Amino acid sequence: MGEACTVHDGLGRLVQLLPRVVRAVRRQPNAKRPVGGVVLGSGHSSALALIREREITVGQLAAALDLNLATVSGLVGDLEHVGFAERSNDPRDRRRILVRVKPGRDDYVDAWLEGATAPFMRALQRLNDTERSAFIKGLGYLEAELNRSTAADRLLGEAG
């Protein structure tokens, strides 16, 4: 760490590492783990981590995860089925449905999330604050570029 890396060198290393990382994430025993007859995966982890932070609507959750409402509703349904989450009417606006961690299940949710995110936590702990910030910032840039490319490809496909 700490040695200079040109854009070209970084690109070479990145295109080698990303497929390996994706395969490793898919192979993680905690990546898809049955709980109460339902297999919970990385999508459930992402949703549950956000729900753990605060009550949130399905629409807000969908926007935060960049998924459609039907997919997120299914994730929330799975989390309800295993007893991790519950939906309720927003007391300020009865038309809105809020999702939250089911009362009394915080310890179970924390334990499941800890198991599902342990490799990520260990990797982040190996970085100092500056490196961690740069790593997360870089991943954000990569995600934005990949989504920008996808949107441009869709527009080009529609034009042709």
N, C-alpha and C. Protein backbone atom coordinates (compact mmCIF):
# COMPACT_ATOMS: atom_id res chain seq x y z
N MET A 1 0.84 -1.18 0.00
CA MET A 1 0.00 0.00 0.00
C MET A 1 0.88 1.23 0.00
N GLY A 2 0.34 2.35 -0.45
CA GLY A 2 1.03 3.61 -0.38
C GLY A 2 1.92 3.88 -1.59
N GLU A 3 2.16 2.88 -2.45
CA GLU A 3 3.00 3.12 -3.62
C GLU A 3 2.17 3.72 -4.73
N ALA A 4 2.85 4.51 -5.59
CA ALA A 4 2.16 5.19 -6.68
C ALA A 4 1.59 4.16 -7.66
N CYS A 5 0.46 4.52 -8.23
CA CYS A 5 -0.23 3.62 -9.17
C CYS A 5 -0.79 4.48 -10.29
N THR A 6 -0.34 4.23 -11.52
CA THR A 6 -0.87 4.99 -12.65
C THR A 6 -2.30 4.51 -12.93
N VAL A 7 -3.02 5.31 -13.69
CA VAL A 7 -4.39 4.91 -14.08
C VAL A 7 -4.34 3.60 -14.85
N HIS A 8 -3.36 3.47 -15.75
CA HIS A 8 -3.24 2.25 -16.55
C HIS A 8 -2.96 1.03 -15.65
N ASP A 9 -2.03 1.18 -14.71
CA ASP A 9 -1.74 0.08 -13.78
C ASP A 9 -2.97 -0.25 -12.93
N GLY A 10 -3.64 0.79 -12.45
CA GLY A 10 -4.84 0.58 -11.64
C GLY A 10 -5.92 -0.15 -12.41
N LEU A 11 -6.10 0.23 -13.68
CA LEU A 11 -7.10 -0.43 -14.51
C LEU A 11 -6.77 -1.91 -14.68
N GLY A 12 -5.52 -2.21 -14.94
CA GLY A 12 -5.12 -3.60 -15.10
C GLY A 12 -5.42 -4.42 -13.86
N ARG A 13 -5.10 -3.85 -12.72
CA ARG A 13 -5.34 -4.57 -11.45
C ARG A 13 -6.83 -4.68 -11.16
N LEU A 14 -7.58 -3.61 -11.46
CA LEU A 14 -9.02 -3.59 -11.19
C LEU A 14 -9.75 -4.65 -12.01
N VAL A 15 -9.43 -4.76 -13.31
CA VAL A 15 -10.14 -5.74 -14.14
C VAL A 15 -9.76 -7.17 -13.76
N GLN A 16 -8.62 -7.35 -13.09
CA GLN A 16 -8.29 -8.68 -12.57
C GLN A 16 -9.03 -8.96 -11.27
N LEU A 17 -9.11 -7.94 -10.42
CA LEU A 17 -9.69 -8.14 -9.09
C LEU A 17 -11.21 -8.22 -9.06
N LEU A 18 -11.88 -7.38 -9.84
CA LEU A 18 -13.35 -7.32 -9.73
C LEU A 18 -14.04 -8.66 -9.96
N PRO A 19 -13.70 -9.40 -11.02
CA PRO A 19 -14.37 -10.71 -11.18
C PRO A 19 -14.09 -11.66 -10.02
N ARG A 20 -12.87 -11.60 -9.49
CA ARG A 20 -12.53 -12.45 -8.35
C ARG A 20 -13.34 -12.06 -7.12
N VAL A 21 -13.48 -10.77 -6.90
CA VAL A 21 -14.25 -10.28 -5.75
C VAL A 21 -15.71 -10.71 -5.89
N VAL A 22 -16.28 -10.53 -7.07
CA VAL A 22 -17.69 -10.90 -7.28
C VAL A 22 -17.88 -12.40 -7.04
N ARG A 23 -16.98 -13.22 -7.58
CA ARG A 23 -17.09 -14.68 -7.36
C ARG A 23 -16.96 -15.02 -5.87
N ALA A 24 -16.02 -14.37 -5.21
CA ALA A 24 -15.81 -14.64 -3.78
C ALA A 24 -17.03 -14.24 -2.95
N VAL A 25 -17.66 -13.12 -3.30
CA VAL A 25 -18.86 -12.69 -2.58
C VAL A 25 -19.97 -13.72 -2.76
N ARG A 26 -20.11 -14.22 -3.97
CA ARG A 26 -21.15 -15.22 -4.23
C ARG A 26 -20.89 -16.54 -3.50
N ARG A 27 -19.62 -16.86 -3.26
CA ARG A 27 -19.26 -18.11 -2.58
C ARG A 27 -19.33 -18.01 -1.06
N GLN A 28 -19.47 -16.82 -0.53
CA GLN A 28 -19.48 -16.66 0.92
C GLN A 28 -20.61 -17.47 1.54
N PRO A 29 -20.30 -18.25 2.57
CA PRO A 29 -21.36 -19.05 3.20
C PRO A 29 -22.47 -18.18 3.78
N ASN A 30 -22.14 -16.97 4.19
CA ASN A 30 -23.16 -16.08 4.75
C ASN A 30 -23.87 -15.28 3.68
N ALA A 31 -23.39 -15.36 2.43
CA ALA A 31 -24.01 -14.58 1.36
C ALA A 31 -25.44 -15.05 1.10
N LYS A 32 -25.67 -16.34 1.21
CA LYS A 32 -27.02 -16.89 1.05
C LYS A 32 -27.21 -17.91 2.14
N ARG A 33 -27.93 -17.50 3.14
CA ARG A 33 -28.08 -18.32 4.33
C ARG A 33 -29.55 -18.51 4.64
N PRO A 34 -30.00 -19.76 4.80
CA PRO A 34 -31.41 -19.95 5.12
C PRO A 34 -31.72 -19.53 6.57
N VAL A 35 -32.81 -18.82 6.70
CA VAL A 35 -33.31 -18.42 8.02
C VAL A 35 -34.81 -18.67 7.98
N GLY A 36 -35.29 -19.49 8.87
CA GLY A 36 -36.73 -19.75 8.93
C GLY A 36 -37.33 -20.21 7.61
N GLY A 37 -36.59 -21.02 6.86
CA GLY A 37 -37.10 -21.54 5.60
C GLY A 37 -36.94 -20.61 4.41
N VAL A 38 -36.35 -19.43 4.61
CA VAL A 38 -36.14 -18.47 3.53
C VAL A 38 -34.64 -18.26 3.36
N VAL A 39 -34.16 -18.30 2.13
CA VAL A 39 -32.75 -18.03 1.87
C VAL A 39 -32.57 -16.52 1.74
N LEU A 40 -31.82 -15.97 2.67
CA LEU A 40 -31.54 -14.54 2.64
C LEU A 40 -30.18 -14.32 1.98
N GLY A 41 -30.13 -13.34 1.07
CA GLY A 41 -28.89 -13.06 0.35
C GLY A 41 -28.43 -11.63 0.54
N SER A 42 -27.57 -11.21 -0.38
CA SER A 42 -26.97 -9.88 -0.26
C SER A 42 -28.00 -8.76 -0.38
N GLY A 43 -29.04 -8.96 -1.19
CA GLY A 43 -30.10 -7.96 -1.29
C GLY A 43 -30.81 -7.77 0.04
N HIS A 44 -31.02 -8.88 0.73
CA HIS A 44 -31.64 -8.81 2.05
C HIS A 44 -30.72 -8.08 3.03
N SER A 45 -29.41 -8.36 2.93
CA SER A 45 -28.45 -7.68 3.81
C SER A 45 -28.50 -6.18 3.62
N SER A 46 -28.50 -5.75 2.36
CA SER A 46 -28.52 -4.32 2.07
C SER A 46 -29.79 -3.67 2.60
N ALA A 47 -30.92 -4.32 2.35
CA ALA A 47 -32.20 -3.78 2.82
C ALA A 47 -32.25 -3.76 4.34
N LEU A 48 -31.83 -4.85 4.96
CA LEU A 48 -31.90 -4.95 6.41
C LEU A 48 -30.97 -3.94 7.09
N ALA A 49 -29.81 -3.69 6.49
CA ALA A 49 -28.89 -2.69 7.06
C ALA A 49 -29.54 -1.31 7.06
N LEU A 50 -30.26 -0.98 6.00
CA LEU A 50 -30.95 0.32 5.95
C LEU A 50 -32.13 0.38 6.91
N ILE A 51 -32.88 -0.70 6.97
CA ILE A 51 -34.02 -0.76 7.89
C ILE A 51 -33.53 -0.67 9.33
N ARG A 52 -32.37 -1.25 9.59
CA ARG A 52 -31.79 -1.23 10.94
C ARG A 52 -31.47 0.19 11.38
N GLU A 53 -31.10 1.04 10.42
CA GLU A 53 -30.75 2.43 10.74
C GLU A 53 -31.96 3.26 11.17
N ARG A 54 -33.11 3.04 10.48
CA ARG A 54 -34.29 3.86 10.77
C ARG A 54 -35.51 3.27 10.08
N GLU A 55 -36.68 3.68 10.56
CA GLU A 55 -37.91 3.32 9.83
C GLU A 55 -37.83 3.96 8.46
N ILE A 56 -38.32 3.24 7.47
CA ILE A 56 -38.19 3.71 6.09
C ILE A 56 -39.35 3.16 5.28
N THR A 57 -39.79 3.89 4.27
CA THR A 57 -40.85 3.38 3.40
C THR A 57 -40.23 2.44 2.36
N VAL A 58 -41.07 1.61 1.77
CA VAL A 58 -40.60 0.71 0.72
C VAL A 58 -40.06 1.54 -0.45
N GLY A 59 -40.71 2.65 -0.76
CA GLY A 59 -40.24 3.52 -1.84
C GLY A 59 -38.87 4.11 -1.55
N GLN A 60 -38.66 4.56 -0.32
CA GLN A 60 -37.34 5.09 0.06
C GLN A 60 -36.28 4.00 0.01
N LEU A 61 -36.66 2.82 0.44
CA LEU A 61 -35.75 1.69 0.42
C LEU A 61 -35.38 1.33 -1.03
N ALA A 62 -36.38 1.32 -1.90
CA ALA A 62 -36.14 1.03 -3.32
C ALA A 62 -35.19 2.06 -3.92
N ALA A 63 -35.41 3.33 -3.62
CA ALA A 63 -34.54 4.38 -4.14
C ALA A 63 -33.11 4.23 -3.61
N ALA A 64 -32.98 3.95 -2.33
CA ALA A 64 -31.66 3.81 -1.72
C ALA A 64 -30.90 2.61 -2.29
N LEU A 65 -31.61 1.54 -2.61
CA LEU A 65 -30.98 0.33 -3.12
C LEU A 65 -30.91 0.31 -4.64
N ASP A 66 -31.54 1.29 -5.29
CA ASP A 66 -31.61 1.36 -6.75
C ASP A 66 -32.25 0.09 -7.33
N LEU A 67 -33.38 -0.31 -6.70
CA LEU A 67 -34.15 -1.45 -7.14
C LEU A 67 -35.60 -1.02 -7.35
N ASN A 68 -36.37 -1.83 -8.08
CA ASN A 68 -37.77 -1.46 -8.28
C ASN A 68 -38.61 -1.83 -7.06
N LEU A 69 -39.79 -1.23 -6.98
CA LEU A 69 -40.66 -1.43 -5.82
C LEU A 69 -41.04 -2.89 -5.61
N ALA A 70 -41.32 -3.60 -6.70
CA ALA A 70 -41.73 -5.00 -6.57
C ALA A 70 -40.61 -5.84 -5.95
N THR A 71 -39.38 -5.62 -6.39
CA THR A 71 -38.25 -6.37 -5.86
C THR A 71 -38.06 -6.08 -4.38
N VAL A 72 -38.12 -4.80 -4.01
CA VAL A 72 -37.92 -4.41 -2.61
C VAL A 72 -39.07 -4.91 -1.75
N SER A 73 -40.27 -4.87 -2.28
CA SER A 73 -41.42 -5.39 -1.53
C SER A 73 -41.22 -6.88 -1.25
N GLY A 74 -40.68 -7.61 -2.22
CA GLY A 74 -40.38 -9.03 -2.01
C GLY A 74 -39.30 -9.24 -0.96
N LEU A 75 -38.26 -8.41 -0.98
CA LEU A 75 -37.20 -8.50 0.04
C LEU A 75 -37.78 -8.25 1.42
N VAL A 76 -38.62 -7.22 1.53
CA VAL A 76 -39.24 -6.89 2.82
C VAL A 76 -40.16 -8.03 3.26
N GLY A 77 -40.89 -8.61 2.32
CA GLY A 77 -41.75 -9.75 2.65
C GLY A 77 -40.95 -10.91 3.21
N ASP A 78 -39.79 -11.19 2.61
CA ASP A 78 -38.93 -12.25 3.13
C ASP A 78 -38.45 -11.92 4.54
N LEU A 79 -38.05 -10.65 4.75
CA LEU A 79 -37.57 -10.24 6.07
C LEU A 79 -38.68 -10.31 7.11
N GLU A 80 -39.91 -10.03 6.68
CA GLU A 80 -41.06 -10.19 7.59
C GLU A 80 -41.27 -11.66 7.92
N HIS A 81 -41.18 -12.50 6.90
CA HIS A 81 -41.43 -13.94 7.06
C HIS A 81 -40.49 -14.56 8.10
N VAL A 82 -39.23 -14.11 8.11
CA VAL A 82 -38.26 -14.68 9.07
C VAL A 82 -38.28 -13.93 10.41
N GLY A 83 -39.14 -12.92 10.53
CA GLY A 83 -39.29 -12.22 11.80
C GLY A 83 -38.29 -11.12 12.05
N PHE A 84 -37.60 -10.64 11.00
CA PHE A 84 -36.63 -9.57 11.16
C PHE A 84 -37.25 -8.18 11.01
N ALA A 85 -38.31 -8.07 10.24
CA ALA A 85 -38.89 -6.75 9.94
C ALA A 85 -40.40 -6.81 10.02
N GLU A 86 -41.00 -5.63 10.10
CA GLU A 86 -42.45 -5.52 10.04
C GLU A 86 -42.84 -4.22 9.36
N ARG A 87 -44.01 -4.25 8.75
CA ARG A 87 -44.57 -3.05 8.13
C ARG A 87 -45.68 -2.52 9.02
N SER A 88 -45.82 -1.19 9.00
CA SER A 88 -46.92 -0.57 9.74
C SER A 88 -47.28 0.75 9.07
N ASN A 89 -48.50 1.21 9.34
CA ASN A 89 -48.92 2.50 8.79
C ASN A 89 -48.16 3.63 9.47
N ASP A 90 -47.82 4.63 8.69
CA ASP A 90 -47.17 5.83 9.22
C ASP A 90 -48.24 6.60 10.01
N PRO A 91 -48.03 6.86 11.29
CA PRO A 91 -49.06 7.56 12.08
C PRO A 91 -49.33 8.98 11.59
N ARG A 92 -48.37 9.57 10.88
CA ARG A 92 -48.56 10.93 10.36
C ARG A 92 -49.27 10.94 9.01
N ASP A 93 -49.21 9.83 8.28
CA ASP A 93 -49.84 9.73 6.96
C ASP A 93 -50.22 8.27 6.75
N ARG A 94 -51.46 7.93 6.99
CA ARG A 94 -51.92 6.54 6.96
C ARG A 94 -51.77 5.88 5.59
N ARG A 95 -51.53 6.68 4.55
CA ARG A 95 -51.34 6.10 3.22
C ARG A 95 -49.95 5.49 3.05
N ARG A 96 -49.02 5.95 3.87
CA ARG A 96 -47.63 5.48 3.77
C ARG A 96 -47.42 4.27 4.68
N ILE A 97 -46.64 3.33 4.18
CA ILE A 97 -46.30 2.14 4.96
C ILE A 97 -44.82 2.24 5.33
N LEU A 98 -44.53 2.10 6.61
CA LEU A 98 -43.16 2.13 7.11
C LEU A 98 -42.67 0.71 7.37
N VAL A 99 -41.39 0.51 7.16
CA VAL A 99 -40.75 -0.76 7.45
C VAL A 99 -39.74 -0.51 8.56
N ARG A 100 -39.71 -1.40 9.54
CA ARG A 100 -38.75 -1.27 10.64
C ARG A 100 -38.35 -2.65 11.11
N VAL A 101 -37.28 -2.68 11.91
CA VAL A 101 -36.90 -3.94 12.54
C VAL A 101 -38.00 -4.30 13.54
N LYS A 102 -38.39 -5.55 13.52
CA LYS A 102 -39.44 -6.01 14.43
C LYS A 102 -38.96 -5.84 15.87
N PRO A 103 -39.78 -5.22 16.71
CA PRO A 103 -39.38 -5.03 18.10
C PRO A 103 -38.94 -6.34 18.75
N GLY A 104 -37.85 -6.25 19.50
CA GLY A 104 -37.32 -7.42 20.18
C GLY A 104 -36.41 -8.29 19.33
N ARG A 105 -36.22 -7.92 18.07
CA ARG A 105 -35.39 -8.73 17.17
C ARG A 105 -34.05 -8.09 16.84
N ASP A 106 -33.73 -6.97 17.50
CA ASP A 106 -32.49 -6.24 17.20
C ASP A 106 -31.26 -7.13 17.30
N ASP A 107 -31.16 -7.94 18.34
CA ASP A 107 -29.98 -8.79 18.53
C ASP A 107 -29.85 -9.82 17.41
N TYR A 108 -30.97 -10.40 16.98
CA TYR A 108 -30.94 -11.37 15.88
C TYR A 108 -30.53 -10.70 14.58
N VAL A 109 -31.08 -9.52 14.33
CA VAL A 109 -30.74 -8.77 13.12
C VAL A 109 -29.26 -8.41 13.13
N ASP A 110 -28.78 -7.90 14.25
CA ASP A 110 -27.37 -7.54 14.36
C ASP A 110 -26.46 -8.75 14.12
N ALA A 111 -26.82 -9.88 14.70
CA ALA A 111 -26.01 -11.10 14.55
C ALA A 111 -25.99 -11.55 13.09
N TRP A 112 -27.16 -11.52 12.44
CA TRP A 112 -27.22 -11.95 11.05
C TRP A 112 -26.42 -10.99 10.16
N LEU A 113 -26.60 -9.70 10.36
CA LEU A 113 -25.86 -8.71 9.57
C LEU A 113 -24.36 -8.84 9.81
N GLU A 114 -23.97 -9.07 11.05
CA GLU A 114 -22.55 -9.21 11.36
C GLU A 114 -21.94 -10.38 10.59
N GLY A 115 -22.65 -11.49 10.55
CA GLY A 115 -22.17 -12.65 9.80
C GLY A 115 -22.11 -12.39 8.31
N ALA A 116 -23.12 -11.72 7.80
CA ALA A 116 -23.19 -11.45 6.36
C ALA A 116 -22.17 -10.42 5.90
N THR A 117 -21.78 -9.52 6.77
CA THR A 117 -20.87 -8.44 6.36
C THR A 117 -19.46 -8.60 6.92
N ALA A 118 -19.18 -9.70 7.61
CA ALA A 118 -17.89 -9.87 8.28
C ALA A 118 -16.68 -9.71 7.34
N PRO A 119 -16.66 -10.30 6.14
CA PRO A 119 -15.49 -10.12 5.29
C PRO A 119 -15.28 -8.65 4.89
N PHE A 120 -16.37 -7.93 4.66
CA PHE A 120 -16.26 -6.52 4.30
C PHE A 120 -15.70 -5.72 5.48
N MET A 121 -16.19 -6.03 6.67
CA MET A 121 -15.72 -5.35 7.87
C MET A 121 -14.23 -5.59 8.08
N ARG A 122 -13.81 -6.83 7.94
CA ARG A 122 -12.39 -7.14 8.14
C ARG A 122 -11.51 -6.41 7.12
N ALA A 123 -11.97 -6.36 5.87
CA ALA A 123 -11.19 -5.65 4.84
C ALA A 123 -11.11 -4.16 5.15
N LEU A 124 -12.22 -3.55 5.53
CA LEU A 124 -12.22 -2.12 5.85
C LEU A 124 -11.37 -1.81 7.07
N GLN A 125 -11.34 -2.73 8.02
CA GLN A 125 -10.53 -2.52 9.23
C GLN A 125 -9.03 -2.53 8.93
N ARG A 126 -8.63 -3.14 7.83
CA ARG A 126 -7.22 -3.19 7.46
C ARG A 126 -6.73 -1.86 6.88
N LEU A 127 -7.66 -0.98 6.53
CA LEU A 127 -7.32 0.32 5.94
C LEU A 127 -7.34 1.40 7.01
N ASN A 128 -6.49 2.41 6.84
CA ASN A 128 -6.58 3.55 7.75
C ASN A 128 -7.74 4.43 7.27
N ASP A 129 -8.06 5.47 8.02
CA ASP A 129 -9.22 6.31 7.70
C ASP A 129 -9.14 6.90 6.30
N THR A 130 -7.96 7.39 5.92
CA THR A 130 -7.77 8.00 4.60
C THR A 130 -7.95 6.96 3.50
N GLU A 131 -7.35 5.80 3.67
CA GLU A 131 -7.48 4.73 2.68
C GLU A 131 -8.93 4.26 2.57
N ARG A 132 -9.58 4.12 3.71
CA ARG A 132 -10.99 3.68 3.72
C ARG A 132 -11.87 4.68 2.98
N SER A 133 -11.67 5.95 3.23
CA SER A 133 -12.45 6.99 2.54
C SER A 133 -12.20 6.96 1.04
N ALA A 134 -10.93 6.80 0.65
CA ALA A 134 -10.58 6.75 -0.77
C ALA A 134 -11.18 5.51 -1.43
N PHE A 135 -11.15 4.39 -0.74
CA PHE A 135 -11.71 3.14 -1.27
C PHE A 135 -13.21 3.28 -1.52
N ILE A 136 -13.93 3.78 -0.53
CA ILE A 136 -15.38 3.94 -0.66
C ILE A 136 -15.70 4.97 -1.74
N LYS A 137 -14.95 6.06 -1.77
CA LYS A 137 -15.14 7.09 -2.80
C LYS A 137 -14.93 6.49 -4.19
N GLY A 138 -13.87 5.69 -4.34
CA GLY A 138 -13.59 5.05 -5.63
C GLY A 138 -14.69 4.10 -6.05
N LEU A 139 -15.20 3.32 -5.12
CA LEU A 139 -16.30 2.42 -5.44
C LEU A 139 -17.54 3.21 -5.87
N GLY A 140 -17.77 4.34 -5.21
CA GLY A 140 -18.90 5.19 -5.59
C GLY A 140 -18.74 5.72 -7.01
N TYR A 141 -17.53 6.14 -7.36
CA TYR A 141 -17.26 6.61 -8.72
C TYR A 141 -17.47 5.48 -9.74
N LEU A 142 -16.98 4.28 -9.40
CA LEU A 142 -17.13 3.14 -10.31
C LEU A 142 -18.60 2.82 -10.51
N GLU A 143 -19.37 2.79 -9.43
CA GLU A 143 -20.80 2.51 -9.54
C GLU A 143 -21.49 3.56 -10.41
N ALA A 144 -21.15 4.83 -10.21
CA ALA A 144 -21.76 5.90 -11.01
C ALA A 144 -21.41 5.75 -12.49
N GLU A 145 -20.16 5.43 -12.78
CA GLU A 145 -19.75 5.26 -14.18
C GLU A 145 -20.42 4.05 -14.82
N LEU A 146 -20.52 2.96 -14.08
CA LEU A 146 -21.19 1.77 -14.61
C LEU A 146 -22.66 2.05 -14.89
N ASN A 147 -23.32 2.77 -14.00
CA ASN A 147 -24.72 3.12 -14.22
C ASN A 147 -24.87 4.12 -15.35
N ARG A 148 -23.93 5.05 -15.47
CA ARG A 148 -23.97 6.01 -16.57
C ARG A 148 -23.83 5.29 -17.90
N SER A 149 -22.91 4.32 -17.96
CA SER A 149 -22.71 3.55 -19.18
C SER A 149 -23.96 2.76 -19.52
N THR A 150 -24.59 2.17 -18.51
CA THR A 150 -25.81 1.40 -18.73
C THR A 150 -26.92 2.29 -19.28
N ALA A 151 -27.07 3.48 -18.71
CA ALA A 151 -28.10 4.41 -19.18
C ALA A 151 -27.80 4.85 -20.62
N ALA A 152 -26.54 5.13 -20.92
CA ALA A 152 -26.16 5.53 -22.28
C ALA A 152 -26.42 4.40 -23.27
N ASP A 153 -26.08 3.16 -22.86
CA ASP A 153 -26.34 2.01 -23.72
C ASP A 153 -27.82 1.84 -24.01
N ARG A 154 -28.67 2.07 -22.99
CA ARG A 154 -30.12 1.96 -23.20
C ARG A 154 -30.59 3.00 -24.19
N LEU A 155 -30.09 4.24 -24.05
CA LEU A 155 -30.48 5.30 -24.97
C LEU A 155 -30.04 4.99 -26.39
N LEU A 156 -28.83 4.50 -26.54
CA LEU A 156 -28.35 4.14 -27.87
C LEU A 156 -29.15 3.00 -28.45
N GLY A 157 -29.54 2.04 -27.63
CA GLY A 157 -30.35 0.92 -28.09
C GLY A 157 -31.72 1.37 -28.55
N GLU A 158 -32.30 2.37 -27.86
CA GLU A 158 -33.61 2.89 -28.25
C GLU A 158 -33.53 3.70 -29.54
N ALA A 159 -32.38 4.33 -29.78
CA ALA A 159 -32.22 5.17 -30.98
C ALA A 159 -32.02 4.32 -32.23
N GLY A 160 -31.55 3.08 -32.04
CA GLY A 160 -31.22 2.21 -33.18
C GLY A 160 -32.32 1.39 -33.60
